[in-house]
Amino acid sequence: MGRVVVNQKPKRMPTSVRIDEITSGMKKPFFVAGCRGDNTQKNGAPNSEIHGNYTFASGDGSNLAGKHLIIFVHGYNVTADESLKSAQGFFSFLDASLSKTLSKKGTDTANYEYLLFTWPGDTGVIYFNEAQEFAQYSGAALYKLLDMLYSNPSPPLSVAIVSHSLGAHVLLRSLAILGERLYRGKAKNAVNCALLLGAAVEDDVFERADDENEYHFPEAAFGVEKIHFGVSRSDDVLNGAFAINENDSALGYRGPESMDALQSLTRRVEAVLHRAFSFEIHDFTPSSPTVMNPDLYVRHHGDYWVNQSQTDYYANLLLKEQLI
């Protein structure tokens, strides 16, 4: 008899004890916030009251005030515990990369803080559509976190957000809400930089949706100064399961379907907000004509931070956007 695939209830927020266990050996531990709620039994379906609001599982807003903040948003079907392990791997590499680069400038990462934003995407294998619904609410929760940080008397010096896979949905949704508020003059600060690694969203996500059931976020361009797309045409998940489920190509597979929408958005942001919005594509396919370092190649969906050279590359991008 074959294995039964279960539509599972996403796990609750990780405990402070478990966070301490995961981060205790790190040179620079990370903080944890998210929107999983405190009771797994309430995670049966997306709920705006639970999944549209954030809580801190470790630290609080005061820990992030006046710092350069880097937020990591994990992808689909990642449990709370797995999200801690992913963040441990990513931030351990990234901290070493930043430390190496900053030391050349005569400084260190003392003015940096790292934050995992964990969300209820662990709905079970093949239940991707349900995870997208959770991601939609989770993006609102991430926006509320950003709004709190920017409203502090001592806001972050800069904010960079890195997403993997379906975490791009959470990230873009938060930027779209922030962008709409900036457009209406109800917010003042845009996110400095977003880095989308293997984004599991449709490749026309920056265009207006033809179907009300599609998740598109053209307003996200108004909420961020620069977006970097990390893509790979060797990504087995995006070229397989995602393409079949969505009947469309993924943004993280080869980049945007067309540059026209993003180029139009660069002009609109300049005209409306009087500041620049820009984007850049980084092709990590093994046959890439632009990125030729084999250490940077991404052959599988989970290969975006398996060695130091990769996070060295990301660190240089993030530091450039912070103008340090």
Protein backbone atom coordinates (compact mmCIF):
# COMPACT_ATOMS: atom_id res chain seq x y z
CA MET A 1 0.00 0.00 0.00
CA GLY A 2 1.33 3.43 -0.91
CA ARG A 3 2.09 6.15 1.59
CA VAL A 4 -0.92 8.33 2.41
CA VAL A 5 -0.27 12.04 1.87
CA VAL A 6 -1.79 14.08 4.68
CA ASN A 7 -2.86 17.70 4.67
CA GLN A 8 -1.28 18.59 7.99
CA LYS A 9 -1.82 21.44 10.40
CA PRO A 10 1.18 23.80 10.45
CA LYS A 11 3.25 23.73 13.63
CA ARG A 12 3.04 26.43 16.29
CA MET A 13 5.71 29.03 16.99
CA PRO A 14 8.99 27.54 18.25
CA THR A 15 9.72 27.78 21.95
CA SER A 16 12.45 29.96 23.41
CA VAL A 17 14.10 26.81 24.78
CA ARG A 18 14.35 25.28 21.31
CA ILE A 19 15.62 28.55 19.83
CA ASP A 20 18.36 28.67 22.45
CA GLU A 21 19.33 25.09 21.63
CA ILE A 22 19.62 25.84 17.91
CA THR A 23 21.46 29.16 18.25
CA SER A 24 23.69 28.45 21.26
CA GLY A 25 26.73 27.49 19.21
CA MET A 26 26.47 30.36 16.76
CA LYS A 27 28.95 33.21 16.79
CA LYS A 28 26.05 35.61 16.32
CA PRO A 29 22.62 34.14 17.18
CA PHE A 30 19.44 35.26 15.41
CA PHE A 31 16.12 36.38 16.82
CA VAL A 32 12.81 34.79 15.85
CA ALA A 33 9.44 36.32 15.00
CA GLY A 34 6.56 34.93 13.01
CA CYS A 35 2.86 34.30 12.63
CA ARG A 36 2.33 30.61 13.45
CA GLY A 37 0.25 31.22 16.55
CA ASP A 38 0.72 29.43 19.86
CA ASN A 39 -1.62 26.47 19.29
CA THR A 40 -1.25 23.96 16.46
CA GLN A 41 -4.94 23.02 16.70
CA LYS A 42 -5.90 26.52 15.54
CA ASN A 43 -3.78 26.18 12.39
CA GLY A 44 -6.36 24.15 10.49
CA ALA A 45 -7.16 27.00 8.10
CA PRO A 46 -5.72 30.47 7.42
CA ASN A 47 -7.01 32.96 9.96
CA SER A 48 -6.36 36.70 9.80
CA GLU A 49 -6.41 37.08 13.58
CA ILE A 50 -3.74 34.39 14.08
CA HIS A 51 -1.72 34.33 10.87
CA GLY A 52 -2.10 37.99 9.95
CA ASN A 53 -0.29 39.15 13.09
CA TYR A 54 3.27 38.62 14.27
CA THR A 55 4.70 37.68 17.63
CA PHE A 56 8.28 37.43 18.85
CA ALA A 57 9.47 34.02 19.99
CA SER A 58 12.83 35.50 21.04
CA GLY A 59 13.92 39.09 21.43
CA ASP A 60 11.66 42.04 20.63
CA GLY A 61 11.64 45.28 18.67
CA SER A 62 14.10 46.94 21.01
CA ASN A 63 16.81 44.44 20.02
CA LEU A 64 16.51 45.57 16.40
CA ALA A 65 16.33 49.33 16.95
CA GLY A 66 19.13 51.35 15.39
CA LYS A 67 20.68 48.29 13.72
CA HIS A 68 21.25 47.01 10.20
CA LEU A 69 18.60 44.29 10.09
CA ILE A 70 18.59 41.21 7.85
CA ILE A 71 15.38 39.17 7.84
CA PHE A 72 15.20 35.61 6.50
CA VAL A 73 11.86 34.17 5.29
CA HIS A 74 11.84 30.42 4.66
CA GLY A 75 9.86 28.54 2.02
CA TYR A 76 7.08 25.99 1.59
CA ASN A 77 6.54 22.88 3.73
CA VAL A 78 9.15 23.89 6.30
CA THR A 79 8.15 23.14 9.88
CA ALA A 80 8.90 25.49 12.75
CA ASP A 81 11.87 23.39 13.82
CA GLU A 82 13.15 23.07 10.26
CA SER A 83 12.90 26.84 9.87
CA LEU A 84 15.26 27.27 12.83
CA LYS A 85 17.77 24.87 11.29
CA SER A 86 17.54 26.61 7.90
CA ALA A 87 18.09 29.99 9.50
CA GLN A 88 21.01 28.59 11.50
CA GLY A 89 22.69 27.42 8.31
CA PHE A 90 21.95 30.58 6.36
CA PHE A 91 22.90 33.10 9.06
CA SER A 92 26.03 31.19 10.11
CA PHE A 93 27.36 31.41 6.55
CA LEU A 94 26.13 34.97 6.06
CA ASP A 95 27.64 36.26 9.31
CA ALA A 96 31.04 34.85 8.32
CA SER A 97 30.69 36.48 4.89
CA LEU A 98 29.70 39.86 6.31
CA SER A 99 32.45 39.71 8.93
CA LYS A 100 35.05 39.04 6.25
CA THR A 101 33.87 41.92 4.07
CA LEU A 102 33.35 44.39 6.91
CA SER A 103 36.78 43.66 8.41
CA LYS A 104 38.32 45.11 5.25
CA LYS A 105 36.48 48.33 6.08
CA GLY A 106 37.75 48.31 9.66
CA THR A 107 34.44 47.31 11.25
CA ASP A 108 32.43 44.22 12.20
CA THR A 109 28.87 42.91 12.56
CA ALA A 110 28.23 44.41 16.00
CA ASN A 111 25.79 46.84 14.37
CA TYR A 112 23.91 44.02 12.61
CA GLU A 113 21.05 41.85 13.78
CA TYR A 114 19.52 38.77 12.17
CA LEU A 115 15.87 37.78 12.37
CA LEU A 116 14.06 34.65 11.20
CA PHE A 117 10.45 35.26 10.20
CA THR A 118 8.72 31.89 10.38
CA TRP A 119 5.27 31.34 8.89
CA PRO A 120 2.82 28.40 8.60
CA GLY A 121 3.76 27.01 5.18
CA ASP A 122 4.09 23.41 6.41
CA THR A 123 0.76 22.20 5.08
CA GLY A 124 2.13 18.91 3.76
CA VAL A 125 3.45 17.70 0.44
CA ILE A 126 1.17 18.56 -2.55
CA TYR A 127 -0.88 21.04 -0.48
CA PHE A 128 0.85 24.03 -2.08
CA ASN A 129 -2.37 25.99 -2.67
CA GLU A 130 -3.18 25.95 1.04
CA ALA A 131 0.34 27.16 1.79
CA GLN A 132 -0.21 30.07 -0.60
CA GLU A 133 -3.28 31.09 1.41
CA PHE A 134 -1.24 31.05 4.61
CA ALA A 135 1.48 33.05 2.80
CA GLN A 136 -1.04 35.75 1.89
CA TYR A 137 -1.96 36.32 5.55
CA SER A 138 1.68 35.96 6.61
CA GLY A 139 2.70 38.79 4.30
CA ALA A 140 0.34 41.07 6.20
CA ALA A 141 1.97 39.96 9.45
CA LEU A 142 5.44 40.70 8.09
CA TYR A 143 4.25 44.15 6.99
CA LYS A 144 2.98 44.85 10.52
CA LEU A 145 6.39 43.88 11.88
CA LEU A 146 8.11 46.27 9.46
CA ASP A 147 5.64 49.03 10.34
CA MET A 148 6.40 48.57 14.05
CA LEU A 149 10.14 48.73 13.42
CA TYR A 150 9.93 51.83 11.24
CA SER A 151 7.64 53.53 13.79
CA ASN A 152 10.15 53.10 16.62
CA PRO A 153 11.91 56.23 17.90
CA SER A 154 15.11 54.49 16.77
CA PRO A 155 14.22 52.63 13.54
CA PRO A 156 16.64 50.20 11.89
CA LEU A 157 19.55 51.77 10.03
CA SER A 158 18.64 49.55 7.08
CA VAL A 159 16.42 46.56 6.36
CA ALA A 160 17.22 43.75 3.94
CA ILE A 161 14.89 40.77 3.50
CA VAL A 162 16.02 37.45 2.04
CA SER A 163 13.42 34.88 1.00
CA HIS A 164 13.62 31.34 -0.28
CA SER A 165 11.02 29.55 -2.43
CA LEU A 166 7.42 30.37 -1.41
CA GLY A 167 8.83 32.79 1.18
CA ALA A 168 8.89 35.18 -1.80
CA HIS A 169 5.08 35.30 -1.62
CA VAL A 170 5.25 36.39 2.03
CA LEU A 171 7.93 38.96 1.23
CA LEU A 172 6.23 40.43 -1.86
CA ARG A 173 2.87 40.62 -0.12
CA SER A 174 4.43 42.61 2.75
CA LEU A 175 6.18 44.93 0.28
CA ALA A 176 2.94 45.41 -1.65
CA ILE A 177 1.11 46.57 1.49
CA LEU A 178 4.01 48.84 2.43
CA GLY A 179 4.23 50.11 -1.15
CA GLU A 180 0.55 51.02 -1.26
CA ARG A 181 0.90 52.97 1.99
CA LEU A 182 3.96 54.79 0.66
CA TYR A 183 2.04 55.58 -2.53
CA ARG A 184 -0.73 57.14 -0.42
CA GLY A 185 1.69 59.04 1.79
CA LYS A 186 0.80 56.98 4.88
CA ALA A 187 4.30 55.54 5.38
CA LYS A 188 7.80 57.01 5.12
CA ASN A 189 10.32 54.17 4.90
CA ALA A 190 10.87 51.61 2.17
CA VAL A 191 12.81 48.39 2.66
CA ASN A 192 16.36 48.92 1.39
CA CYS A 193 16.86 45.60 -0.34
CA ALA A 194 15.10 42.32 -1.08
CA LEU A 195 16.86 39.16 -2.24
CA LEU A 196 14.56 36.48 -3.65
CA LEU A 197 16.27 33.08 -3.93
CA GLY A 198 14.47 30.48 -6.04
CA ALA A 199 11.20 32.41 -5.80
CA ALA A 200 8.20 30.05 -6.02
CA VAL A 201 5.81 32.67 -7.36
CA GLU A 202 4.64 33.17 -10.93
CA ASP A 203 7.05 34.88 -13.30
CA ASP A 204 4.48 37.59 -14.13
CA VAL A 205 3.95 38.45 -10.46
CA PHE A 206 4.75 42.14 -11.09
CA GLU A 207 1.97 42.47 -13.67
CA ARG A 208 -1.71 43.07 -12.93
CA ALA A 209 -3.49 39.76 -12.40
CA ASP A 210 -5.96 38.59 -15.04
CA ASP A 211 -7.70 36.33 -12.53
CA GLU A 212 -8.79 37.46 -9.07
CA ASN A 213 -7.54 34.15 -7.68
CA GLU A 214 -3.96 34.84 -8.80
CA TYR A 215 -1.42 36.32 -6.39
CA HIS A 216 0.31 39.25 -8.10
CA PHE A 217 2.15 42.11 -6.38
CA PRO A 218 3.05 45.03 -8.69
CA GLU A 219 2.70 47.40 -5.70
CA ALA A 220 5.73 45.70 -4.13
CA ALA A 221 8.03 47.89 -6.24
CA PHE A 222 6.86 50.92 -4.26
CA GLY A 223 7.87 49.26 -0.96
CA VAL A 224 11.52 48.52 -1.71
CA GLU A 225 14.50 50.30 -3.21
CA LYS A 226 16.18 47.31 -4.91
CA ILE A 227 15.19 43.73 -5.66
CA HIS A 228 17.72 41.02 -6.50
CA PHE A 229 16.44 37.82 -8.12
CA GLY A 230 18.51 34.65 -7.69
CA VAL A 231 17.41 32.18 -10.38
CA SER A 232 18.43 28.79 -11.75
CA ARG A 233 17.12 26.84 -14.73
CA SER A 234 18.46 23.70 -13.02
CA ASP A 235 15.94 24.07 -10.20
CA ASP A 236 14.12 20.73 -10.22
CA VAL A 237 11.25 21.85 -7.98
CA LEU A 238 10.40 25.03 -9.85
CA ASN A 239 10.67 23.32 -13.23
CA GLY A 240 8.62 20.35 -12.01
CA ALA A 241 6.06 20.53 -9.22
CA PHE A 242 5.59 24.30 -9.34
CA ALA A 243 5.14 24.47 -13.11
CA ILE A 244 2.58 21.63 -13.00
CA ASN A 245 0.62 23.06 -10.06
CA GLU A 246 0.51 26.65 -11.33
CA ASN A 247 0.48 25.93 -15.06
CA ASP A 248 3.02 28.74 -15.30
CA SER A 249 6.74 29.35 -14.95
CA ALA A 250 8.27 30.37 -11.64
CA LEU A 251 10.01 33.69 -11.08
CA GLY A 252 12.95 31.80 -9.57
CA TYR A 253 13.37 29.56 -12.60
CA ARG A 254 14.50 32.05 -15.22
CA GLY A 255 13.42 35.43 -13.85
CA PRO A 256 10.51 37.68 -14.86
CA GLU A 257 8.44 36.64 -17.87
CA SER A 258 8.93 40.13 -19.32
CA MET A 259 11.05 43.09 -18.27
CA ASP A 260 8.37 45.54 -19.45
CA ALA A 261 6.36 45.50 -16.21
CA LEU A 262 9.42 46.04 -13.98
CA GLN A 263 10.83 48.72 -16.26
CA SER A 264 7.48 50.49 -16.17
CA LEU A 265 7.46 50.26 -12.38
CA THR A 266 10.92 51.86 -12.17
CA ARG A 267 9.53 54.88 -14.01
CA ARG A 268 6.34 55.02 -11.94
CA VAL A 269 8.16 54.82 -8.59
CA GLU A 270 10.47 57.64 -9.68
CA ALA A 271 7.52 59.79 -10.80
CA VAL A 272 5.38 59.18 -7.70
CA LEU A 273 7.86 58.78 -4.84
CA HIS A 274 10.80 60.71 -6.33
CA ARG A 275 13.27 57.97 -5.55
CA ALA A 276 14.75 55.09 -7.48
CA PHE A 277 13.51 51.53 -7.69
CA SER A 278 15.74 49.03 -9.47
CA PHE A 279 16.14 45.28 -9.93
CA GLU A 280 18.85 42.84 -10.91
CA ILE A 281 18.82 39.19 -12.00
CA HIS A 282 21.54 36.78 -10.90
CA ASP A 283 21.59 33.60 -12.97
CA PHE A 284 23.08 30.72 -10.95
CA THR A 285 22.35 28.08 -13.61
CA PRO A 286 25.47 25.92 -14.23
CA SER A 287 25.41 27.11 -17.86
CA SER A 288 24.96 30.77 -16.86
CA PRO A 289 26.60 33.28 -19.22
CA THR A 290 26.81 35.93 -16.47
CA VAL A 291 27.74 34.10 -13.23
CA MET A 292 30.70 31.86 -14.05
CA ASN A 293 31.99 30.82 -10.62
CA PRO A 294 31.11 27.11 -10.19
CA ASP A 295 30.82 27.59 -6.42
CA LEU A 296 27.75 29.75 -7.05
CA TYR A 297 25.87 27.33 -9.24
CA VAL A 298 22.48 26.13 -7.99
CA ARG A 299 21.64 22.65 -9.20
CA HIS A 300 18.69 21.96 -6.89
CA HIS A 301 16.01 24.01 -5.15
CA GLY A 302 17.71 23.85 -1.76
CA ASP A 303 21.22 24.69 -2.94
CA TYR A 304 21.22 28.45 -2.39
CA TRP A 305 23.41 28.46 0.75
CA VAL A 306 25.46 25.29 0.79
CA ASN A 307 28.86 26.99 0.76
CA GLN A 308 30.56 30.19 1.87
CA SER A 309 31.10 31.54 -1.65
CA GLN A 310 27.35 31.87 -2.13
CA THR A 311 26.79 33.97 0.99
CA ASP A 312 29.94 35.98 0.17
CA TYR A 313 28.12 36.93 -3.03
CA TYR A 314 24.91 37.83 -1.16
CA ALA A 315 26.80 39.80 1.49
CA ASN A 316 28.37 41.98 -1.19
CA LEU A 317 24.93 42.68 -2.67
CA LEU A 318 23.40 43.59 0.70
CA LEU A 319 26.31 45.80 1.76
CA LYS A 320 26.21 47.64 -1.57
CA GLU A 321 22.54 48.49 -1.06
CA GLN A 322 23.26 49.79 2.44
CA LEU A 323 25.93 52.12 0.99
CA ILE A 324 28.35 51.21 3.76
